[in-house]
Full PDB file with SEQRES, HELIX, SHEET, SSBOND, CRYST1, ORIGX, SCALE, CONECT and MASTER records, all heavy atoms in Angstrom:
SEQRES   1 A   39  THR VAL TYR LEU GLN MET ASN SER LEU LYS PRO GLU ASP          
SEQRES   2 A   39  THR ALA VAL TYR SER CYS ALA ALA ALA ILE ALA SER ARG          
SEQRES   3 A   39  PHE TYR ALA ALA ARG ASP ALA THR ALA TYR SER SER TRP          
HELIX    1 AA1 PRO A   11  ASP A   13  5                                   3    
HELIX    2 AA2 ALA A   33  ALA A   35  5                                   3    
CRYST1    1.000    1.000    1.000  90.00  90.00  90.00 P 1           1          
ORIGX1      1.000000  0.000000  0.000000        0.00000                         
ORIGX2      0.000000  1.000000  0.000000        0.00000                         
ORIGX3      0.000000  0.000000  1.000000        0.00000                         
SCALE1      1.000000  0.000000  0.000000        0.00000                         
SCALE2      0.000000  1.000000  0.000000        0.00000                         
SCALE3      0.000000  0.000000  1.000000        0.00000                         
ATOM      1  N   THR A   1      -2.344 -67.978  46.903  1.00  0.00           N  
ATOM      2  CA  THR A   1      -1.047 -68.464  47.285  1.00  0.00           C  
ATOM      3  C   THR A   1      -0.593 -69.650  46.464  1.00  0.00           C  
ATOM      4  O   THR A   1      -1.347 -70.558  46.199  1.00  0.00           O  
ATOM      5  CB  THR A   1      -1.034 -68.822  48.790  1.00  0.00           C  
ATOM      6  OG1 THR A   1      -1.440 -67.633  49.562  1.00  0.00           O  
ATOM      7  CG2 THR A   1       0.364 -69.208  49.228  1.00  0.00           C  
ATOM      8  N   VAL A   2       0.684 -69.631  46.135  1.00  0.00           N  
ATOM      9  CA  VAL A   2       1.297 -70.782  45.463  1.00  0.00           C  
ATOM     10  C   VAL A   2       2.404 -71.270  46.385  1.00  0.00           C  
ATOM     11  O   VAL A   2       3.087 -70.482  47.073  1.00  0.00           O  
ATOM     12  CB  VAL A   2       1.832 -70.430  44.070  1.00  0.00           C  
ATOM     13  CG1 VAL A   2       2.917 -69.381  44.120  1.00  0.00           C  
ATOM     14  CG2 VAL A   2       2.293 -71.660  43.353  1.00  0.00           C  
ATOM     15  N   TYR A   3       2.613 -72.586  46.411  1.00  0.00           N  
ATOM     16  CA  TYR A   3       3.623 -73.240  47.285  1.00  0.00           C  
ATOM     17  C   TYR A   3       4.631 -74.014  46.491  1.00  0.00           C  
ATOM     18  O   TYR A   3       4.389 -74.475  45.391  1.00  0.00           O  
ATOM     19  CB  TYR A   3       2.891 -74.182  48.269  1.00  0.00           C  
ATOM     20  CG  TYR A   3       1.800 -73.546  49.078  1.00  0.00           C  
ATOM     21  CD1 TYR A   3       0.451 -73.576  48.693  1.00  0.00           C  
ATOM     22  CD2 TYR A   3       2.099 -72.841  50.265  1.00  0.00           C  
ATOM     23  CE1 TYR A   3      -0.510 -73.010  49.426  1.00  0.00           C  
ATOM     24  CE2 TYR A   3       1.118 -72.237  51.017  1.00  0.00           C  
ATOM     25  CZ  TYR A   3      -0.217 -72.311  50.576  1.00  0.00           C  
ATOM     26  OH  TYR A   3      -1.204 -71.750  51.340  1.00  0.00           O  
ATOM     27  N   LEU A   4       5.774 -74.189  47.119  1.00  0.00           N  
ATOM     28  CA  LEU A   4       6.777 -75.089  46.592  1.00  0.00           C  
ATOM     29  C   LEU A   4       7.278 -75.959  47.735  1.00  0.00           C  
ATOM     30  O   LEU A   4       7.998 -75.477  48.632  1.00  0.00           O  
ATOM     31  CB  LEU A   4       7.939 -74.333  45.945  1.00  0.00           C  
ATOM     32  CG  LEU A   4       8.960 -75.216  45.238  1.00  0.00           C  
ATOM     33  CD1 LEU A   4       8.332 -75.897  43.998  1.00  0.00           C  
ATOM     34  CD2 LEU A   4      10.226 -74.414  44.852  1.00  0.00           C  
ATOM     35  N   GLN A   5       6.845 -77.194  47.765  1.00  0.00           N  
ATOM     36  CA  GLN A   5       7.314 -78.164  48.767  1.00  0.00           C  
ATOM     37  C   GLN A   5       8.603 -78.764  48.270  1.00  0.00           C  
ATOM     38  O   GLN A   5       8.624 -79.369  47.182  1.00  0.00           O  
ATOM     39  CB  GLN A   5       6.258 -79.239  49.017  1.00  0.00           C  
ATOM     40  CG  GLN A   5       6.675 -80.275  49.975  1.00  0.00           C  
ATOM     41  CD  GLN A   5       6.855 -79.771  51.396  1.00  0.00           C  
ATOM     42  OE1 GLN A   5       6.045 -79.028  51.890  1.00  0.00           O  
ATOM     43  NE2 GLN A   5       7.932 -80.188  52.084  1.00  0.00           N  
ATOM     44  N   MET A   6       9.651 -78.656  49.060  1.00  0.00           N  
ATOM     45  CA  MET A   6      10.950 -79.115  48.637  1.00  0.00           C  
ATOM     46  C   MET A   6      11.427 -80.150  49.638  1.00  0.00           C  
ATOM     47  O   MET A   6      11.636 -79.877  50.794  1.00  0.00           O  
ATOM     48  CB  MET A   6      11.980 -77.935  48.586  1.00  0.00           C  
ATOM     49  CG  MET A   6      11.503 -76.786  47.750  1.00  0.00           C  
ATOM     50  SD  MET A   6      12.764 -75.478  47.548  1.00  0.00           S  
ATOM     51  CE  MET A   6      12.847 -74.894  49.262  1.00  0.00           C  
ATOM     52  N   ASN A   7      11.580 -81.376  49.138  1.00  0.00           N  
ATOM     53  CA  ASN A   7      12.059 -82.518  49.950  1.00  0.00           C  
ATOM     54  C   ASN A   7      13.393 -83.004  49.435  1.00  0.00           C  
ATOM     55  O   ASN A   7      13.783 -82.687  48.349  1.00  0.00           O  
ATOM     56  CB  ASN A   7      11.006 -83.647  49.878  1.00  0.00           C  
ATOM     57  CG  ASN A   7       9.643 -83.224  50.431  1.00  0.00           C  
ATOM     58  OD1 ASN A   7       9.551 -82.404  51.335  1.00  0.00           O  
ATOM     59  ND2 ASN A   7       8.594 -83.854  49.889  1.00  0.00           N  
ATOM     60  N   SER A   8      14.054 -83.789  50.267  1.00  0.00           N  
ATOM     61  CA  SER A   8      15.347 -84.391  49.905  1.00  0.00           C  
ATOM     62  C   SER A   8      16.293 -83.318  49.336  1.00  0.00           C  
ATOM     63  O   SER A   8      16.921 -83.481  48.279  1.00  0.00           O  
ATOM     64  CB  SER A   8      15.132 -85.496  48.868  1.00  0.00           C  
ATOM     65  OG  SER A   8      14.308 -86.503  49.390  1.00  0.00           O  
ATOM     66  N   LEU A   9      16.371 -82.216  50.051  1.00  0.00           N  
ATOM     67  CA  LEU A   9      17.200 -81.080  49.556  1.00  0.00           C  
ATOM     68  C   LEU A   9      18.665 -81.391  49.469  1.00  0.00           C  
ATOM     69  O   LEU A   9      19.206 -82.188  50.312  1.00  0.00           O  
ATOM     70  CB  LEU A   9      16.980 -79.886  50.468  1.00  0.00           C  
ATOM     71  CG  LEU A   9      15.618 -79.138  50.183  1.00  0.00           C  
ATOM     72  CD1 LEU A   9      15.247 -78.262  51.388  1.00  0.00           C  
ATOM     73  CD2 LEU A   9      15.735 -78.322  48.903  1.00  0.00           C  
ATOM     74  N   LYS A  10      19.302 -80.839  48.501  1.00  0.00           N  
ATOM     75  CA  LYS A  10      20.725 -81.077  48.242  1.00  0.00           C  
ATOM     76  C   LYS A  10      21.473 -79.740  48.312  1.00  0.00           C  
ATOM     77  O   LYS A  10      20.874 -78.666  48.058  1.00  0.00           O  
ATOM     78  CB  LYS A  10      20.933 -81.684  46.848  1.00  0.00           C  
ATOM     79  CG  LYS A  10      20.161 -82.942  46.584  1.00  0.00           C  
ATOM     80  CD  LYS A  10      20.319 -83.384  45.156  1.00  0.00           C  
ATOM     81  CE  LYS A  10      19.543 -84.666  44.878  1.00  0.00           C  
ATOM     82  NZ  LYS A  10      19.671 -85.090  43.459  1.00  0.00           N  
ATOM     83  N   PRO A  11      22.751 -79.744  48.601  1.00  0.00           N  
ATOM     84  CA  PRO A  11      23.506 -78.467  48.595  1.00  0.00           C  
ATOM     85  C   PRO A  11      23.339 -77.706  47.311  1.00  0.00           C  
ATOM     86  O   PRO A  11      23.348 -76.460  47.310  1.00  0.00           O  
ATOM     87  CB  PRO A  11      24.927 -78.910  48.858  1.00  0.00           C  
ATOM     88  CG  PRO A  11      24.754 -80.191  49.649  1.00  0.00           C  
ATOM     89  CD  PRO A  11      23.563 -80.864  49.061  1.00  0.00           C  
ATOM     90  N   GLU A  12      23.235 -78.391  46.217  1.00  0.00           N  
ATOM     91  CA  GLU A  12      23.128 -77.693  44.898  1.00  0.00           C  
ATOM     92  C   GLU A  12      21.725 -77.021  44.710  1.00  0.00           C  
ATOM     93  O   GLU A  12      21.529 -76.331  43.742  1.00  0.00           O  
ATOM     94  CB  GLU A  12      23.379 -78.658  43.737  1.00  0.00           C  
ATOM     95  CG  GLU A  12      22.623 -79.948  43.777  1.00  0.00           C  
ATOM     96  CD  GLU A  12      23.415 -81.129  44.416  1.00  0.00           C  
ATOM     97  OE1 GLU A  12      24.061 -80.893  45.440  1.00  0.00           O  
ATOM     98  OE2 GLU A  12      23.346 -82.234  43.855  1.00  0.00           O  
ATOM     99  N   ASP A  13      20.834 -77.238  45.634  1.00  0.00           N  
ATOM    100  CA  ASP A  13      19.548 -76.490  45.619  1.00  0.00           C  
ATOM    101  C   ASP A  13      19.700 -75.124  46.243  1.00  0.00           C  
ATOM    102  O   ASP A  13      18.744 -74.324  46.168  1.00  0.00           O  
ATOM    103  CB  ASP A  13      18.484 -77.289  46.359  1.00  0.00           C  
ATOM    104  CG  ASP A  13      18.108 -78.593  45.681  1.00  0.00           C  
ATOM    105  OD1 ASP A  13      18.025 -78.595  44.453  1.00  0.00           O  
ATOM    106  OD2 ASP A  13      17.924 -79.590  46.402  1.00  0.00           O  
ATOM    107  N   THR A  14      20.836 -74.817  46.830  1.00  0.00           N  
ATOM    108  CA  THR A  14      21.057 -73.502  47.460  1.00  0.00           C  
ATOM    109  C   THR A  14      20.911 -72.428  46.403  1.00  0.00           C  
ATOM    110  O   THR A  14      21.618 -72.447  45.363  1.00  0.00           O  
ATOM    111  CB  THR A  14      22.423 -73.477  48.126  1.00  0.00           C  
ATOM    112  OG1 THR A  14      22.481 -74.393  49.212  1.00  0.00           O  
ATOM    113  CG2 THR A  14      22.731 -72.076  48.660  1.00  0.00           C  
ATOM    114  N   ALA A  15      20.074 -71.451  46.701  1.00  0.00           N  
ATOM    115  CA  ALA A  15      19.781 -70.379  45.697  1.00  0.00           C  
ATOM    116  C   ALA A  15      18.786 -69.405  46.325  1.00  0.00           C  
ATOM    117  O   ALA A  15      18.145 -69.721  47.382  1.00  0.00           O  
ATOM    118  CB  ALA A  15      19.190 -70.920  44.405  1.00  0.00           C  
ATOM    119  N   VAL A  16      18.590 -68.279  45.654  1.00  0.00           N  
ATOM    120  CA  VAL A  16      17.452 -67.404  45.930  1.00  0.00           C  
ATOM    121  C   VAL A  16      16.309 -67.876  45.053  1.00  0.00           C  
ATOM    122  O   VAL A  16      16.400 -67.985  43.838  1.00  0.00           O  
ATOM    123  CB  VAL A  16      17.805 -65.942  45.655  1.00  0.00           C  
ATOM    124  CG1 VAL A  16      16.523 -65.072  45.818  1.00  0.00           C  
ATOM    125  CG2 VAL A  16      18.899 -65.478  46.572  1.00  0.00           C  
ATOM    126  N   TYR A  17      15.164 -68.192  45.706  1.00  0.00           N  
ATOM    127  CA  TYR A  17      13.969 -68.679  45.018  1.00  0.00           C  
ATOM    128  C   TYR A  17      12.947 -67.559  44.876  1.00  0.00           C  
ATOM    129  O   TYR A  17      12.635 -66.894  45.847  1.00  0.00           O  
ATOM    130  CB  TYR A  17      13.393 -69.855  45.753  1.00  0.00           C  
ATOM    131  CG  TYR A  17      14.172 -71.149  45.637  1.00  0.00           C  
ATOM    132  CD1 TYR A  17      15.389 -71.297  46.246  1.00  0.00           C  
ATOM    133  CD2 TYR A  17      13.698 -72.219  44.860  1.00  0.00           C  
ATOM    134  CE1 TYR A  17      16.123 -72.439  46.120  1.00  0.00           C  
ATOM    135  CE2 TYR A  17      14.371 -73.373  44.724  1.00  0.00           C  
ATOM    136  CZ  TYR A  17      15.639 -73.483  45.376  1.00  0.00           C  
ATOM    137  OH  TYR A  17      16.359 -74.613  45.217  1.00  0.00           O  
ATOM    138  N   SER A  18      12.503 -67.403  43.641  1.00  0.00           N  
ATOM    139  CA  SER A  18      11.498 -66.348  43.326  1.00  0.00           C  
ATOM    140  C   SER A  18      10.302 -66.922  42.702  1.00  0.00           C  
ATOM    141  O   SER A  18      10.402 -67.864  41.859  1.00  0.00           O  
ATOM    142  CB  SER A  18      12.108 -65.301  42.403  1.00  0.00           C  
ATOM    143  OG  SER A  18      13.250 -64.693  42.965  1.00  0.00           O  
ATOM    144  N   CYS A  19       9.134 -66.368  43.061  1.00  0.00           N  
ATOM    145  CA  CYS A  19       7.909 -66.796  42.335  1.00  0.00           C  
ATOM    146  C   CYS A  19       7.598 -65.747  41.283  1.00  0.00           C  
ATOM    147  O   CYS A  19       8.039 -64.586  41.341  1.00  0.00           O  
ATOM    148  CB  CYS A  19       6.768 -67.023  43.278  1.00  0.00           C  
ATOM    149  SG  CYS A  19       6.114 -65.538  44.118  1.00  0.00           S  
ATOM    150  N   ALA A  20       6.802 -66.140  40.305  1.00  0.00           N  
ATOM    151  CA  ALA A  20       6.462 -65.259  39.197  1.00  0.00           C  
ATOM    152  C   ALA A  20       5.064 -65.566  38.704  1.00  0.00           C  
ATOM    153  O   ALA A  20       4.573 -66.704  38.870  1.00  0.00           O  
ATOM    154  CB  ALA A  20       7.462 -65.451  38.032  1.00  0.00           C  
ATOM    155  N   ALA A  21       4.421 -64.568  38.157  1.00  0.00           N  
ATOM    156  CA  ALA A  21       3.063 -64.670  37.668  1.00  0.00           C  
ATOM    157  C   ALA A  21       2.971 -64.302  36.185  1.00  0.00           C  
ATOM    158  O   ALA A  21       3.615 -63.323  35.763  1.00  0.00           O  
ATOM    159  CB  ALA A  21       2.132 -63.765  38.476  1.00  0.00           C  
ATOM    160  N   ALA A  22       2.191 -65.045  35.460  1.00  0.00           N  
ATOM    161  CA  ALA A  22       1.991 -64.785  34.031  1.00  0.00           C  
ATOM    162  C   ALA A  22       0.462 -64.735  33.778  1.00  0.00           C  
ATOM    163  O   ALA A  22      -0.263 -65.661  34.128  1.00  0.00           O  
ATOM    164  CB  ALA A  22       2.599 -65.895  33.178  1.00  0.00           C  
ATOM    165  N   ILE A  23       0.032 -63.633  33.192  1.00  0.00           N  
ATOM    166  CA  ILE A  23      -1.351 -63.517  32.815  1.00  0.00           C  
ATOM    167  C   ILE A  23      -1.587 -64.561  31.650  1.00  0.00           C  
ATOM    168  O   ILE A  23      -0.900 -64.520  30.643  1.00  0.00           O  
ATOM    169  CB  ILE A  23      -1.735 -62.143  32.331  1.00  0.00           C  
ATOM    170  CG1 ILE A  23      -1.532 -61.119  33.490  1.00  0.00           C  
ATOM    171  CG2 ILE A  23      -3.155 -62.095  31.790  1.00  0.00           C  
ATOM    172  CD1 ILE A  23      -1.691 -59.660  33.024  1.00  0.00           C  
ATOM    173  N   ALA A  24      -2.485 -65.467  31.853  1.00  0.00           N  
ATOM    174  CA  ALA A  24      -2.619 -66.575  30.921  1.00  0.00           C  
ATOM    175  C   ALA A  24      -3.970 -67.217  31.011  1.00  0.00           C  
ATOM    176  O   ALA A  24      -4.712 -67.043  31.984  1.00  0.00           O  
ATOM    177  CB  ALA A  24      -1.540 -67.628  31.201  1.00  0.00           C  
ATOM    178  N   SER A  25      -4.269 -68.056  30.044  1.00  0.00           N  
ATOM    179  CA  SER A  25      -5.491 -68.851  30.089  1.00  0.00           C  
ATOM    180  C   SER A  25      -5.389 -69.836  31.246  1.00  0.00           C  
ATOM    181  O   SER A  25      -4.268 -70.160  31.720  1.00  0.00           O  
ATOM    182  CB  SER A  25      -5.736 -69.558  28.778  1.00  0.00           C  
ATOM    183  OG  SER A  25      -4.641 -70.473  28.530  1.00  0.00           O  
ATOM    184  N   ARG A  26      -6.521 -70.343  31.666  1.00  0.00           N  
ATOM    185  CA  ARG A  26      -6.526 -71.114  32.923  1.00  0.00           C  
ATOM    186  C   ARG A  26      -5.861 -72.469  32.866  1.00  0.00           C  
ATOM    187  O   ARG A  26      -5.549 -73.046  33.890  1.00  0.00           O  
ATOM    188  CB  ARG A  26      -7.953 -71.245  33.401  1.00  0.00           C  
ATOM    189  CG  ARG A  26      -8.574 -69.891  33.697  1.00  0.00           C  
ATOM    190  CD  ARG A  26      -9.910 -69.973  34.322  1.00  0.00           C  
ATOM    191  NE  ARG A  26     -10.364 -68.623  34.758  1.00  0.00           N  
ATOM    192  CZ  ARG A  26     -11.411 -68.387  35.493  1.00  0.00           C  
ATOM    193  NH1 ARG A  26     -12.151 -69.395  35.933  1.00  0.00           N  
ATOM    194  NH2 ARG A  26     -11.712 -67.178  35.820  1.00  0.00           N  
ATOM    195  N   PHE A  27      -5.551 -72.985  31.684  1.00  0.00           N  
ATOM    196  CA  PHE A  27      -4.934 -74.296  31.558  1.00  0.00           C  
ATOM    197  C   PHE A  27      -3.548 -74.161  31.015  1.00  0.00           C  
ATOM    198  O   PHE A  27      -2.981 -75.097  30.393  1.00  0.00           O  
ATOM    199  CB  PHE A  27      -5.768 -75.208  30.706  1.00  0.00           C  
ATOM    200  CG  PHE A  27      -7.162 -75.459  31.269  1.00  0.00           C  
ATOM    201  CD1 PHE A  27      -8.214 -74.710  30.832  1.00  0.00           C  
ATOM    202  CD2 PHE A  27      -7.332 -76.395  32.213  1.00  0.00           C  
ATOM    203  CE1 PHE A  27      -9.509 -74.906  31.369  1.00  0.00           C  
ATOM    204  CE2 PHE A  27      -8.605 -76.646  32.773  1.00  0.00           C  
ATOM    205  CZ  PHE A  27      -9.680 -75.889  32.333  1.00  0.00           C  
ATOM    206  N   TYR A  28      -2.895 -73.031  31.264  1.00  0.00           N  
ATOM    207  CA  TYR A  28      -1.574 -72.735  30.710  1.00  0.00           C  
ATOM    208  C   TYR A  28      -0.550 -72.690  31.808  1.00  0.00           C  
ATOM    209  O   TYR A  28      -0.769 -72.181  32.890  1.00  0.00           O  
ATOM    210  CB  TYR A  28      -1.597 -71.350  29.988  1.00  0.00           C  
ATOM    211  CG  TYR A  28      -0.249 -70.842  29.549  1.00  0.00           C  
ATOM    212  CD1 TYR A  28       0.247 -71.224  28.296  1.00  0.00           C  
ATOM    213  CD2 TYR A  28       0.514 -70.001  30.311  1.00  0.00           C  
ATOM    214  CE1 TYR A  28       1.483 -70.731  27.877  1.00  0.00           C  
ATOM    215  CE2 TYR A  28       1.697 -69.480  29.897  1.00  0.00           C  
ATOM    216  CZ  TYR A  28       2.208 -69.885  28.663  1.00  0.00           C  
ATOM    217  OH  TYR A  28       3.392 -69.392  28.230  1.00  0.00           O  
ATOM    218  N   ALA A  29       0.626 -73.306  31.545  1.00  0.00           N  
ATOM    219  CA  ALA A  29       1.755 -73.246  32.449  1.00  0.00           C  
ATOM    220  C   ALA A  29       2.984 -73.044  31.626  1.00  0.00           C  
ATOM    221  O   ALA A  29       3.019 -73.550  30.485  1.00  0.00           O  
ATOM    222  CB  ALA A  29       1.857 -74.504  33.322  1.00  0.00           C  
ATOM    223  N   ALA A  30       4.005 -72.369  32.126  1.00  0.00           N  
ATOM    224  CA  ALA A  30       5.173 -72.033  31.292  1.00  0.00           C  
ATOM    225  C   ALA A  30       6.472 -72.253  32.027  1.00  0.00           C  
ATOM    226  O   ALA A  30       6.637 -71.946  33.162  1.00  0.00           O  
ATOM    227  CB  ALA A  30       5.066 -70.569  30.887  1.00  0.00           C  
ATOM    228  N   ARG A  31       7.432 -72.832  31.259  1.00  0.00           N  
ATOM    229  CA  ARG A  31       8.777 -72.985  31.777  1.00  0.00           C  
ATOM    230  C   ARG A  31       9.678 -71.739  31.485  1.00  0.00           C  
ATOM    231  O   ARG A  31      10.673 -71.552  32.159  1.00  0.00           O  
ATOM    232  CB  ARG A  31       9.444 -74.220  31.119  1.00  0.00           C  
ATOM    233  CG  ARG A  31       8.771 -75.538  31.418  1.00  0.00           C  
ATOM    234  CD  ARG A  31       9.522 -76.658  30.669  1.00  0.00           C  
ATOM    235  NE  ARG A  31       8.977 -77.958  30.902  1.00  0.00           N  
ATOM    236  CZ  ARG A  31       8.033 -78.502  30.166  1.00  0.00           C  
ATOM    237  NH1 ARG A  31       7.523 -77.870  29.159  1.00  0.00           N  
ATOM    238  NH2 ARG A  31       7.605 -79.740  30.426  1.00  0.00           N  
ATOM    239  N   ASP A  32       9.309 -70.967  30.486  1.00  0.00           N  
ATOM    240  CA  ASP A  32      10.141 -69.891  30.024  1.00  0.00           C  
ATOM    241  C   ASP A  32       9.893 -68.627  30.870  1.00  0.00           C  
ATOM    242  O   ASP A  32       8.782 -68.175  31.022  1.00  0.00           O  
ATOM    243  CB  ASP A  32       9.770 -69.592  28.571  1.00  0.00           C  
ATOM    244  CG  ASP A  32      10.782 -68.593  27.918  1.00  0.00           C  
ATOM    245  OD1 ASP A  32      11.512 -67.971  28.688  1.00  0.00           O  
ATOM    246  OD2 ASP A  32      10.759 -68.479  26.693  1.00  0.00           O  
ATOM    247  N   ALA A  33      11.016 -68.068  31.404  1.00  0.00           N  
ATOM    248  CA  ALA A  33      10.908 -66.892  32.243  1.00  0.00           C  
ATOM    249  C   ALA A  33      10.298 -65.714  31.573  1.00  0.00           C  
ATOM    250  O   ALA A  33       9.661 -64.842  32.164  1.00  0.00           O  
ATOM    251  CB  ALA A  33      12.258 -66.543  32.841  1.00  0.00           C  
ATOM    252  N   THR A  34      10.452 -65.647  30.239  1.00  0.00           N  
ATOM    253  CA  THR A  34       9.977 -64.503  29.464  1.00  0.00           C  
ATOM    254  C   THR A  34       8.407 -64.483  29.419  1.00  0.00           C  
ATOM    255  O   THR A  34       7.832 -63.470  29.077  1.00  0.00           O  
ATOM    256  CB  THR A  34      10.503 -64.483  28.039  1.00  0.00           C  
ATOM    257  OG1 THR A  34      10.064 -65.688  27.347  1.00  0.00           O  
ATOM    258  CG2 THR A  34      11.986 -64.430  28.011  1.00  0.00           C  
ATOM    259  N   ALA A  35       7.785 -65.556  29.812  1.00  0.00           N  
ATOM    260  CA  ALA A  35       6.274 -65.634  29.798  1.00  0.00           C  
ATOM    261  C   ALA A  35       5.750 -64.875  31.052  1.00  0.00           C  
ATOM    262  O   ALA A  35       4.562 -64.534  31.066  1.00  0.00           O  
ATOM    263  CB  ALA A  35       5.824 -67.069  29.833  1.00  0.00           C  
ATOM    264  N   TYR A  36       6.582 -64.623  32.039  1.00  0.00           N  
ATOM    265  CA  TYR A  36       6.109 -64.078  33.311  1.00  0.00           C  
ATOM    266  C   TYR A  36       6.331 -62.550  33.336  1.00  0.00           C  
ATOM    267  O   TYR A  36       7.446 -62.065  33.000  1.00  0.00           O  
ATOM    268  CB  TYR A  36       6.837 -64.718  34.442  1.00  0.00           C  
ATOM    269  CG  TYR A  36       6.491 -66.227  34.583  1.00  0.00           C  
ATOM    270  CD1 TYR A  36       7.201 -67.178  33.826  1.00  0.00           C  
ATOM    271  CD2 TYR A  36       5.442 -66.617  35.345  1.00  0.00           C  
ATOM    272  CE1 TYR A  36       6.870 -68.516  33.908  1.00  0.00           C  
ATOM    273  CE2 TYR A  36       5.087 -67.963  35.426  1.00  0.00           C  
ATOM    274  CZ  TYR A  36       5.816 -68.872  34.715  1.00  0.00           C  
ATOM    275  OH  TYR A  36       5.483 -70.223  34.784  1.00  0.00           O  
ATOM    276  N   SER A  37       5.335 -61.847  33.845  1.00  0.00           N  
ATOM    277  CA  SER A  37       5.409 -60.399  33.856  1.00  0.00           C  
ATOM    278  C   SER A  37       5.576 -59.789  35.248  1.00  0.00           C  
ATOM    279  O   SER A  37       5.955 -58.638  35.418  1.00  0.00           O  
ATOM    280  CB  SER A  37       4.119 -59.780  33.255  1.00  0.00           C  
ATOM    281  OG  SER A  37       2.977 -60.267  33.903  1.00  0.00           O  
ATOM    282  N   SER A  38       5.329 -60.578  36.285  1.00  0.00           N  
ATOM    283  CA  SER A  38       5.492 -60.060  37.650  1.00  0.00           C  
ATOM    284  C   SER A  38       6.358 -61.044  38.444  1.00  0.00           C  
ATOM    285  O   SER A  38       6.179 -62.296  38.330  1.00  0.00           O  
ATOM    286  CB  SER A  38       4.104 -59.946  38.333  1.00  0.00           C  
ATOM    287  OG  SER A  38       3.281 -59.043  37.639  1.00  0.00           O  
ATOM    288  N   TRP A  39       7.192 -60.461  39.287  1.00  0.00           N  
ATOM    289  CA  TRP A  39       8.162 -61.265  40.044  1.00  0.00           C  
ATOM    290  C   TRP A  39       8.223 -60.816  41.507  1.00  0.00           C  
ATOM    291  O   TRP A  39       8.071 -59.624  41.807  1.00  0.00           O  
ATOM    292  CB  TRP A  39       9.553 -61.127  39.426  1.00  0.00           C  
ATOM    293  CG  TRP A  39       9.696 -61.722  38.087  1.00  0.00           C  
ATOM    294  CD1 TRP A  39       9.295 -61.160  36.890  1.00  0.00           C  
ATOM    295  CD2 TRP A  39      10.189 -62.989  37.741  1.00  0.00           C  
ATOM    296  NE1 TRP A  39       9.530 -62.016  35.862  1.00  0.00           N  
ATOM    297  CE2 TRP A  39      10.097 -63.164  36.350  1.00  0.00           C  
ATOM    298  CE3 TRP A  39      10.722 -64.044  38.490  1.00  0.00           C  
ATOM    299  CZ2 TRP A  39      10.535 -64.334  35.702  1.00  0.00           C  
ATOM    300  CZ3 TRP A  39      11.128 -65.190  37.852  1.00  0.00           C  
ATOM    301  CH2 TRP A  39      11.043 -65.300  36.454  1.00  0.00           C  
TER     302      TRP A  39                                                      
MASTER        0    0    0    2    0    0    0    6  301    1    0    3          
END                                                                             
């Protein structure tokens, strides 16, 4: 499981939030949506 704790929420945070998974080495993290293969 992965979590997203959201504090001090603002109206501009309103959205549909999706999680995604990327097959990657263990010390890798990515900002680019194209890196993720499962949603």
